Protein backbone atom coordinates (compact mmCIF):
# COMPACT_ATOMS: atom_id res chain seq x y z
CA MET A 1 0.00 0.00 0.00
CA ARG A 2 1.26 3.48 -0.78
CA ASP A 3 0.22 6.88 0.55
CA ALA A 4 0.64 9.99 -1.58
CA ASP A 5 0.29 13.60 -0.48
CA VAL A 6 -2.62 15.42 -2.10
CA PRO A 7 -3.56 19.12 -2.11
CA GLY A 8 -5.10 20.27 1.15
CA GLY A 9 -2.87 18.10 3.32
CA GLY A 10 -4.76 14.85 2.82
CA LYS A 11 -3.53 11.44 1.74
CA ALA A 12 -4.44 9.25 -1.22
CA VAL A 13 -4.13 5.54 -0.50
CA GLY A 14 -3.29 3.01 -3.22
CA LEU A 15 -4.41 -0.60 -3.42
CA LEU A 16 -2.38 -3.49 -2.07
CA GLY A 17 -0.61 -5.48 -4.76
CA PRO A 18 0.58 -9.08 -4.29
CA SER A 19 3.78 -7.93 -2.58
CA GLY A 20 1.72 -5.72 -0.26
CA LEU A 21 -0.05 -8.71 1.25
CA SER A 22 2.96 -9.26 3.51
CA GLN A 23 1.96 -5.98 5.18
CA ALA A 24 -1.35 -7.41 6.42
CA LYS A 25 -0.09 -7.64 10.02
CA ASN A 26 1.42 -4.15 10.01
CA ARG A 27 -0.68 -1.93 12.31
CA HIS A 28 -0.05 1.07 10.02
CA TYR A 29 -2.20 -0.47 7.27
CA LEU A 30 -5.97 -0.77 7.04
CA HIS A 31 -7.62 -3.61 8.93
CA ALA A 32 -11.21 -4.84 9.28
CA ASP A 33 -13.32 -2.44 11.38
CA ASP A 34 -11.18 0.60 10.47
CA VAL A 35 -13.14 3.51 8.98
CA ILE A 36 -11.93 5.67 6.09
CA THR A 37 -13.27 9.23 6.32
CA ALA A 38 -13.09 11.39 3.20
CA THR A 39 -14.17 15.02 2.81
CA ILE A 40 -14.13 17.28 -0.20
CA ALA A 41 -14.44 21.06 -0.27
CA THR A 42 -12.85 24.05 -1.93
CA ALA A 43 -10.09 25.82 0.00
CA ASP A 44 -12.25 28.94 0.42
CA GLY A 45 -15.18 26.91 1.81
CA ARG A 46 -17.65 28.08 -0.84
CA ILE A 47 -18.27 24.51 -2.00
CA ASP A 48 -18.50 21.68 0.52
CA LEU A 49 -19.58 18.26 -0.75
CA GLY A 50 -19.60 16.77 2.73
CA GLU A 51 -18.07 13.71 4.30
CA GLN A 52 -18.07 10.04 3.32
CA ARG A 53 -17.33 7.34 5.90
CA THR A 54 -16.39 3.92 4.51
CA PRO A 55 -15.94 0.95 6.85
CA VAL A 56 -13.11 -1.46 6.00
CA MET A 57 -14.15 -5.11 5.78
CA ASP A 58 -12.06 -8.26 5.62
CA ALA A 59 -11.86 -9.62 2.07
CA GLN A 60 -12.04 -13.21 3.24
């Protein structure tokens, strides 16, 4: 998994590839029951599209 800086100070998270599966036990990666919270708005606050909360589920 790879994080990338995005405008506004957020992070974009990439998908795990086959080599990333070895990271499954790393506490710094997503696990079942984690929640991803994403918000989107313009810097000046004139447009705010709100917040999306996505629960992480085990693929198995």
